[in-house]
Amino acid sequence: AQVRMLEAQLRDKEMEIELLKKVKELE
């Protein structure tokens, strides 16, 4: 359960970074 939670947090962070890259690229 702890591994699943950490993997979910990692995916969230990766998506956040990708989103920030797209925003900066669009700007």
PDB file of all heavy atoms in Angstrom:
ATOM      1  N   ALA A   1       0.837  -1.199   0.000  1.00  0.00           N
ATOM      2  CA  ALA A   1       0.000   0.000   0.000  1.00  0.00           C
ATOM      3  C   ALA A   1       0.875   1.254   0.000  1.00  0.00           C
ATOM      4  O   ALA A   1       0.579   2.231  -0.703  1.00  0.00           O
ATOM      5  CB  ALA A   1      -0.928   0.001   1.212  1.00  0.00           C
ATOM      6  N   GLN A   2       1.955   1.212   0.769  1.00  0.00           N
ATOM      7  CA  GLN A   2       2.867   2.359   0.831  1.00  0.00           C
ATOM      8  C   GLN A   2       3.536   2.573  -0.537  1.00  0.00           C
ATOM      9  O   GLN A   2       3.672   3.708  -0.996  1.00  0.00           O
ATOM     10  CB  GLN A   2       3.914   2.128   1.920  1.00  0.00           C
ATOM     11  CG  GLN A   2       4.789   3.335   2.193  1.00  0.00           C
ATOM     12  CD  GLN A   2       5.756   3.086   3.334  1.00  0.00           C
ATOM     13  OE1 GLN A   2       5.888   1.960   3.830  1.00  0.00           O
ATOM     14  NE2 GLN A   2       6.434   4.145   3.759  1.00  0.00           N
ATOM     15  N   VAL A   3       3.941   1.498  -1.195  1.00  0.00           N
ATOM     16  CA  VAL A   3       4.554   1.594  -2.522  1.00  0.00           C
ATOM     17  C   VAL A   3       3.562   2.201  -3.512  1.00  0.00           C
ATOM     18  O   VAL A   3       3.905   3.084  -4.295  1.00  0.00           O
ATOM     19  CB  VAL A   3       5.048   0.205  -3.006  1.00  0.00           C
ATOM     20  CG1 VAL A   3       5.366   0.222  -4.482  1.00  0.00           C
ATOM     21  CG2 VAL A   3       6.264  -0.228  -2.214  1.00  0.00           C
ATOM     22  N   ARG A   4       2.306   1.733  -3.474  1.00  0.00           N
ATOM     23  CA  ARG A   4       1.281   2.282  -4.378  1.00  0.00           C
ATOM     24  C   ARG A   4       1.078   3.773  -4.136  1.00  0.00           C
ATOM     25  O   ARG A   4       0.926   4.555  -5.081  1.00  0.00           O
ATOM     26  CB  ARG A   4      -0.048   1.537  -4.200  1.00  0.00           C
ATOM     27  CG  ARG A   4      -0.085   0.192  -4.885  1.00  0.00           C
ATOM     28  CD  ARG A   4      -1.482  -0.385  -4.944  1.00  0.00           C
ATOM     29  NE  ARG A   4      -2.113  -0.564  -3.639  1.00  0.00           N
ATOM     30  CZ  ARG A   4      -2.011  -1.656  -2.889  1.00  0.00           C
ATOM     31  NH1 ARG A   4      -1.303  -2.685  -3.318  1.00  0.00           N
ATOM     32  NH2 ARG A   4      -2.604  -1.716  -1.724  1.00  0.00           N
ATOM     33  N   MET A   5       1.089   4.176  -2.867  1.00  0.00           N
ATOM     34  CA  MET A   5       0.902   5.588  -2.541  1.00  0.00           C
ATOM     35  C   MET A   5       2.084   6.422  -3.051  1.00  0.00           C
ATOM     36  O   MET A   5       1.898   7.488  -3.649  1.00  0.00           O
ATOM     37  CB  MET A   5       0.760   5.755  -1.013  1.00  0.00           C
ATOM     38  CG  MET A   5       0.223   7.102  -0.616  1.00  0.00           C
ATOM     39  SD  MET A   5      -0.309   7.188   1.108  1.00  0.00           S
ATOM     40  CE  MET A   5       1.144   6.681   1.986  1.00  0.00           C
ATOM     41  N   LEU A   6       3.293   5.930  -2.863  1.00  0.00           N
ATOM     42  CA  LEU A   6       4.472   6.658  -3.341  1.00  0.00           C
ATOM     43  C   LEU A   6       4.503   6.730  -4.873  1.00  0.00           C
ATOM     44  O   LEU A   6       4.878   7.767  -5.436  1.00  0.00           O
ATOM     45  CB  LEU A   6       5.751   5.999  -2.808  1.00  0.00           C
ATOM     46  CG  LEU A   6       5.986   6.158  -1.297  1.00  0.00           C
ATOM     47  CD1 LEU A   6       7.149   5.281  -0.847  1.00  0.00           C
ATOM     48  CD2 LEU A   6       6.232   7.607  -0.927  1.00  0.00           C
ATOM     49  N   GLU A   7       4.105   5.651  -5.530  1.00  0.00           N
ATOM     50  CA  GLU A   7       4.047   5.664  -6.994  1.00  0.00           C
ATOM     51  C   GLU A   7       3.023   6.684  -7.488  1.00  0.00           C
ATOM     52  O   GLU A   7       3.261   7.394  -8.467  1.00  0.00           O
ATOM     53  CB  GLU A   7       3.702   4.270  -7.532  1.00  0.00           C
ATOM     54  CG  GLU A   7       4.847   3.289  -7.439  1.00  0.00           C
ATOM     55  CD  GLU A   7       4.447   1.861  -7.816  1.00  0.00           C
ATOM     56  OE1 GLU A   7       3.227   1.542  -7.835  1.00  0.00           O
ATOM     57  OE2 GLU A   7       5.364   1.065  -8.095  1.00  0.00           O
ATOM     58  N   ALA A   8       1.888   6.783  -6.804  1.00  0.00           N
ATOM     59  CA  ALA A   8       0.862   7.759  -7.182  1.00  0.00           C
ATOM     60  C   ALA A   8       1.388   9.174  -6.995  1.00  0.00           C
ATOM     61  O   ALA A   8       1.165  10.058  -7.837  1.00  0.00           O
ATOM     62  CB  ALA A   8      -0.404   7.543  -6.357  1.00  0.00           C
ATOM     63  N   GLN A   9       2.114   9.418  -5.883  1.00  0.00           N
ATOM     64  CA  GLN A   9       2.697  10.749  -5.651  1.00  0.00           C
ATOM     65  C   GLN A   9       3.722  11.084  -6.735  1.00  0.00           C
ATOM     66  O   GLN A   9       3.766  12.219  -7.228  1.00  0.00           O
ATOM     67  CB  GLN A   9       3.370  10.807  -4.267  1.00  0.00           C
ATOM     68  CG  GLN A   9       2.393  10.823  -3.114  1.00  0.00           C
ATOM     69  CD  GLN A   9       3.087  10.735  -1.761  1.00  0.00           C
ATOM     70  OE1 GLN A   9       4.291  10.519  -1.675  1.00  0.00           O
ATOM     71  NE2 GLN A   9       2.313  10.879  -0.695  1.00  0.00           N
ATOM     72  N   LEU A  10       4.511  10.103  -7.128  1.00  0.00           N
ATOM     73  CA  LEU A  10       5.507  10.306  -8.177  1.00  0.00           C
ATOM     74  C   LEU A  10       4.831  10.657  -9.502  1.00  0.00           C
ATOM     75  O   LEU A  10       5.250  11.587 -10.196  1.00  0.00           O
ATOM     76  CB  LEU A  10       6.373   9.047  -8.333  1.00  0.00           C
ATOM     77  CG  LEU A  10       7.472   9.095  -9.380  1.00  0.00           C
ATOM     78  CD1 LEU A  10       8.466  10.217  -9.070  1.00  0.00           C
ATOM     79  CD2 LEU A  10       8.193   7.764  -9.463  1.00  0.00           C
ATOM     80  N   ARG A  11       3.766   9.925  -9.842  1.00  0.00           N
ATOM     81  CA  ARG A  11       3.022  10.242 -11.077  1.00  0.00           C
ATOM     82  C   ARG A  11       2.451  11.655 -11.033  1.00  0.00           C
ATOM     83  O   ARG A  11       2.479  12.376 -12.024  1.00  0.00           O
ATOM     84  CB  ARG A  11       1.885   9.227 -11.288  1.00  0.00           C
ATOM     85  CG  ARG A  11       2.339   7.935 -11.926  1.00  0.00           C
ATOM     86  CD  ARG A  11       1.156   7.080 -12.389  1.00  0.00           C
ATOM     87  NE  ARG A  11       0.163   6.807 -11.346  1.00  0.00           N
ATOM     88  CZ  ARG A  11       0.253   5.807 -10.464  1.00  0.00           C
ATOM     89  NH1 ARG A  11       1.276   4.976 -10.494  1.00  0.00           N
ATOM     90  NH2 ARG A  11      -0.695   5.638  -9.566  1.00  0.00           N
ATOM     91  N   ASP A  12       1.926  12.050  -9.866  1.00  0.00           N
ATOM     92  CA  ASP A  12       1.382  13.410  -9.722  1.00  0.00           C
ATOM     93  C   ASP A  12       2.468  14.454  -9.961  1.00  0.00           C
ATOM     94  O   ASP A  12       2.237  15.449 -10.652  1.00  0.00           O
ATOM     95  CB  ASP A  12       0.766  13.608  -8.334  1.00  0.00           C
ATOM     96  CG  ASP A  12      -0.545  12.855  -8.156  1.00  0.00           C
ATOM     97  OD1 ASP A  12      -1.102  12.388  -9.171  1.00  0.00           O
ATOM     98  OD2 ASP A  12      -1.003  12.745  -6.999  1.00  0.00           O
ATOM     99  N   LYS A  13       3.641  14.242  -9.401  1.00  0.00           N
ATOM    100  CA  LYS A  13       4.754  15.194  -9.569  1.00  0.00           C
ATOM    101  C   LYS A  13       5.201  15.255 -11.028  1.00  0.00           C
ATOM    102  O   LYS A  13       5.475  16.334 -11.553  1.00  0.00           O
ATOM    103  CB  LYS A  13       5.947  14.812  -8.670  1.00  0.00           C
ATOM    104  CG  LYS A  13       5.702  14.992  -7.202  1.00  0.00           C
ATOM    105  CD  LYS A  13       5.561  16.458  -6.863  1.00  0.00           C
ATOM    106  CE  LYS A  13       5.322  16.622  -5.375  1.00  0.00           C
ATOM    107  NZ  LYS A  13       4.930  17.978  -5.024  1.00  0.00           N
ATOM    108  N   GLU A  14       5.263  14.082 -11.672  1.00  0.00           N
ATOM    109  CA  GLU A  14       5.657  14.049 -13.089  1.00  0.00           C
ATOM    110  C   GLU A  14       4.646  14.800 -13.954  1.00  0.00           C
ATOM    111  O   GLU A  14       5.023  15.545 -14.856  1.00  0.00           O
ATOM    112  CB  GLU A  14       5.803  12.603 -13.574  1.00  0.00           C
ATOM    113  CG  GLU A  14       7.029  11.906 -13.004  1.00  0.00           C
ATOM    114  CD  GLU A  14       7.068  10.409 -13.312  1.00  0.00           C
ATOM    115  OE1 GLU A  14       6.037   9.847 -13.772  1.00  0.00           O
ATOM    116  OE2 GLU A  14       8.124   9.799 -13.078  1.00  0.00           O
ATOM    117  N   MET A  15       3.356  14.621 -13.658  1.00  0.00           N
ATOM    118  CA  MET A  15       2.329  15.341 -14.418  1.00  0.00           C
ATOM    119  C   MET A  15       2.423  16.845 -14.171  1.00  0.00           C
ATOM    120  O   MET A  15       2.249  17.651 -15.081  1.00  0.00           O
ATOM    121  CB  MET A  15       0.922  14.833 -14.043  1.00  0.00           C
ATOM    122  CG  MET A  15       0.605  13.484 -14.635  1.00  0.00           C
ATOM    123  SD  MET A  15      -1.133  12.964 -14.546  1.00  0.00           S
ATOM    124  CE  MET A  15      -1.567  13.228 -12.856  1.00  0.00           C
ATOM    125  N   GLU A  16       2.718  17.242 -12.933  1.00  0.00           N
ATOM    126  CA  GLU A  16       2.855  18.663 -12.591  1.00  0.00           C
ATOM    127  C   GLU A  16       4.016  19.286 -13.370  1.00  0.00           C
ATOM    128  O   GLU A  16       3.892  20.379 -13.924  1.00  0.00           O
ATOM    129  CB  GLU A  16       3.085  18.801 -11.077  1.00  0.00           C
ATOM    130  CG  GLU A  16       3.092  20.221 -10.581  1.00  0.00           C
ATOM    131  CD  GLU A  16       3.297  20.308  -9.070  1.00  0.00           C
ATOM    132  OE1 GLU A  16       3.036  19.311  -8.355  1.00  0.00           O
ATOM    133  OE2 GLU A  16       3.727  21.391  -8.624  1.00  0.00           O
ATOM    134  N   ILE A  17       5.134  18.569 -13.442  1.00  0.00           N
ATOM    135  CA  ILE A  17       6.303  19.073 -14.185  1.00  0.00           C
ATOM    136  C   ILE A  17       5.965  19.212 -15.663  1.00  0.00           C
ATOM    137  O   ILE A  17       6.281  20.229 -16.291  1.00  0.00           O
ATOM    138  CB  ILE A  17       7.525  18.145 -13.963  1.00  0.00           C
ATOM    139  CG1 ILE A  17       8.029  18.275 -12.520  1.00  0.00           C
ATOM    140  CG2 ILE A  17       8.636  18.444 -14.972  1.00  0.00           C
ATOM    141  CD1 ILE A  17       9.051  17.227 -12.121  1.00  0.00           C
ATOM    142  N   GLU A  18       5.287  18.192 -16.230  1.00  0.00           N
ATOM    143  CA  GLU A  18       4.886  18.245 -17.641  1.00  0.00           C
ATOM    144  C   GLU A  18       3.943  19.416 -17.896  1.00  0.00           C
ATOM    145  O   GLU A  18       4.052  20.098 -18.914  1.00  0.00           O
ATOM    146  CB  GLU A  18       4.234  16.929 -18.078  1.00  0.00           C
ATOM    147  CG  GLU A  18       5.195  15.769 -18.202  1.00  0.00           C
ATOM    148  CD  GLU A  18       6.266  16.012 -19.243  1.00  0.00           C
ATOM    149  OE1 GLU A  18       5.963  16.504 -20.350  1.00  0.00           O
ATOM    150  OE2 GLU A  18       7.441  15.713 -18.936  1.00  0.00           O
ATOM    151  N   LEU A  19       3.040  19.656 -16.982  1.00  0.00           N
ATOM    152  CA  LEU A  19       2.104  20.767 -17.117  1.00  0.00           C
ATOM    153  C   LEU A  19       2.850  22.097 -17.100  1.00  0.00           C
ATOM    154  O   LEU A  19       2.594  22.984 -17.924  1.00  0.00           O
ATOM    155  CB  LEU A  19       1.053  20.712 -16.004  1.00  0.00           C
ATOM    156  CG  LEU A  19       0.024  21.832 -16.005  1.00  0.00           C
ATOM    157  CD1 LEU A  19      -0.837  21.752 -17.261  1.00  0.00           C
ATOM    158  CD2 LEU A  19      -0.841  21.776 -14.759  1.00  0.00           C
ATOM    159  N   LEU A  20       3.788  22.242 -16.179  1.00  0.00           N
ATOM    160  CA  LEU A  20       4.568  23.481 -16.099  1.00  0.00           C
ATOM    161  C   LEU A  20       5.396  23.691 -17.371  1.00  0.00           C
ATOM    162  O   LEU A  20       5.522  24.813 -17.857  1.00  0.00           O
ATOM    163  CB  LEU A  20       5.477  23.470 -14.859  1.00  0.00           C
ATOM    164  CG  LEU A  20       4.746  23.603 -13.515  1.00  0.00           C
ATOM    165  CD1 LEU A  20       5.715  23.372 -12.364  1.00  0.00           C
ATOM    166  CD2 LEU A  20       4.063  24.950 -13.394  1.00  0.00           C
ATOM    167  N   LYS A  21       5.940  22.603 -17.937  1.00  0.00           N
ATOM    168  CA  LYS A  21       6.692  22.702 -19.187  1.00  0.00           C
ATOM    169  C   LYS A  21       5.791  23.223 -20.299  1.00  0.00           C
ATOM    170  O   LYS A  21       6.172  24.111 -21.062  1.00  0.00           O
ATOM    171  CB  LYS A  21       7.247  21.324 -19.597  1.00  0.00           C
ATOM    172  CG  LYS A  21       8.423  20.845 -18.810  1.00  0.00           C
ATOM    173  CD  LYS A  21       8.841  19.483 -19.359  1.00  0.00           C
ATOM    174  CE  LYS A  21       9.888  18.813 -18.529  1.00  0.00           C
ATOM    175  NZ  LYS A  21      10.247  17.487 -19.069  1.00  0.00           N
ATOM    176  N   LYS A  22       4.558  22.676 -20.396  1.00  0.00           N
ATOM    177  CA  LYS A  22       3.620  23.084 -21.444  1.00  0.00           C
ATOM    178  C   LYS A  22       3.225  24.547 -21.273  1.00  0.00           C
ATOM    179  O   LYS A  22       3.155  25.297 -22.246  1.00  0.00           O
ATOM    180  CB  LYS A  22       2.359  22.224 -21.407  1.00  0.00           C
ATOM    181  CG  LYS A  22       2.485  20.926 -22.113  1.00  0.00           C
ATOM    182  CD  LYS A  22       2.541  21.164 -23.598  1.00  0.00           C
ATOM    183  CE  LYS A  22       2.557  19.841 -24.313  1.00  0.00           C
ATOM    184  NZ  LYS A  22       3.021  19.959 -25.673  1.00  0.00           N
ATOM    185  N   VAL A  23       2.973  24.972 -20.043  1.00  0.00           N
ATOM    186  CA  VAL A  23       2.589  26.368 -19.789  1.00  0.00           C
ATOM    187  C   VAL A  23       3.714  27.296 -20.222  1.00  0.00           C
ATOM    188  O   VAL A  23       3.485  28.293 -20.919  1.00  0.00           O
ATOM    189  CB  VAL A  23       2.236  26.583 -18.293  1.00  0.00           C
ATOM    190  CG1 VAL A  23       2.110  28.054 -17.949  1.00  0.00           C
ATOM    191  CG2 VAL A  23       0.954  25.843 -17.940  1.00  0.00           C
ATOM    192  N   LYS A  24       4.929  26.972 -19.849  1.00  0.00           N
ATOM    193  CA  LYS A  24       6.086  27.803 -20.198  1.00  0.00           C
ATOM    194  C   LYS A  24       6.276  27.825 -21.720  1.00  0.00           C
ATOM    195  O   LYS A  24       6.547  28.869 -22.297  1.00  0.00           O
ATOM    196  CB  LYS A  24       7.338  27.242 -19.501  1.00  0.00           C
ATOM    197  CG  LYS A  24       8.477  28.180 -19.460  1.00  0.00           C
ATOM    198  CD  LYS A  24       8.116  29.372 -18.577  1.00  0.00           C
ATOM    199  CE  LYS A  24       9.356  30.176 -18.259  1.00  0.00           C
ATOM    200  NZ  LYS A  24       9.031  31.423 -17.616  1.00  0.00           N
ATOM    201  N   GLU A  25       6.088  26.663 -22.352  1.00  0.00           N
ATOM    202  CA  GLU A  25       6.226  26.564 -23.808  1.00  0.00           C
ATOM    203  C   GLU A  25       5.171  27.421 -24.503  1.00  0.00           C
ATOM    204  O   GLU A  25       5.448  28.114 -25.477  1.00  0.00           O
ATOM    205  CB  GLU A  25       6.072  25.099 -24.222  1.00  0.00           C
ATOM    206  CG  GLU A  25       6.293  24.836 -25.691  1.00  0.00           C
ATOM    207  CD  GLU A  25       6.094  23.356 -26.016  1.00  0.00           C
ATOM    208  OE1 GLU A  25       6.734  22.503 -25.355  1.00  0.00           O
ATOM    209  OE2 GLU A  25       5.275  23.083 -26.925  1.00  0.00           O
ATOM    210  N   LEU A  26       3.945  27.403 -23.987  1.00  0.00           N
ATOM    211  CA  LEU A  26       2.871  28.200 -24.575  1.00  0.00           C
ATOM    212  C   LEU A  26       3.081  29.699 -24.354  1.00  0.00           C
ATOM    213  O   LEU A  26       2.630  30.519 -25.147  1.00  0.00           O
ATOM    214  CB  LEU A  26       1.518  27.777 -23.992  1.00  0.00           C
ATOM    215  CG  LEU A  26       1.034  26.386 -24.422  1.00  0.00           C
ATOM    216  CD1 LEU A  26      -0.215  26.000 -23.642  1.00  0.00           C
ATOM    217  CD2 LEU A  26       0.753  26.342 -25.911  1.00  0.00           C
ATOM    218  N   GLU A  27       3.756  30.046 -23.287  1.00  0.00           N
ATOM    219  CA  GLU A  27       4.068  31.449 -23.025  1.00  0.00           C
ATOM    220  C   GLU A  27       5.211  31.938 -23.912  1.00  0.00           C
ATOM    221  O   GLU A  27       5.545  33.111 -23.894  1.00  0.00           O
ATOM    222  CB  GLU A  27       4.423  31.645 -21.541  1.00  0.00           C
ATOM    223  CG  GLU A  27       3.234  31.499 -20.616  1.00  0.00           C
ATOM    224  CD  GLU A  27       3.613  31.588 -19.143  1.00  0.00           C
ATOM    225  OE1 GLU A  27       4.826  31.574 -18.807  1.00  0.00           O
ATOM    226  OE2 GLU A  27       2.691  31.655 -18.315  1.00  0.00           O
TER     227      GLU A  27
END
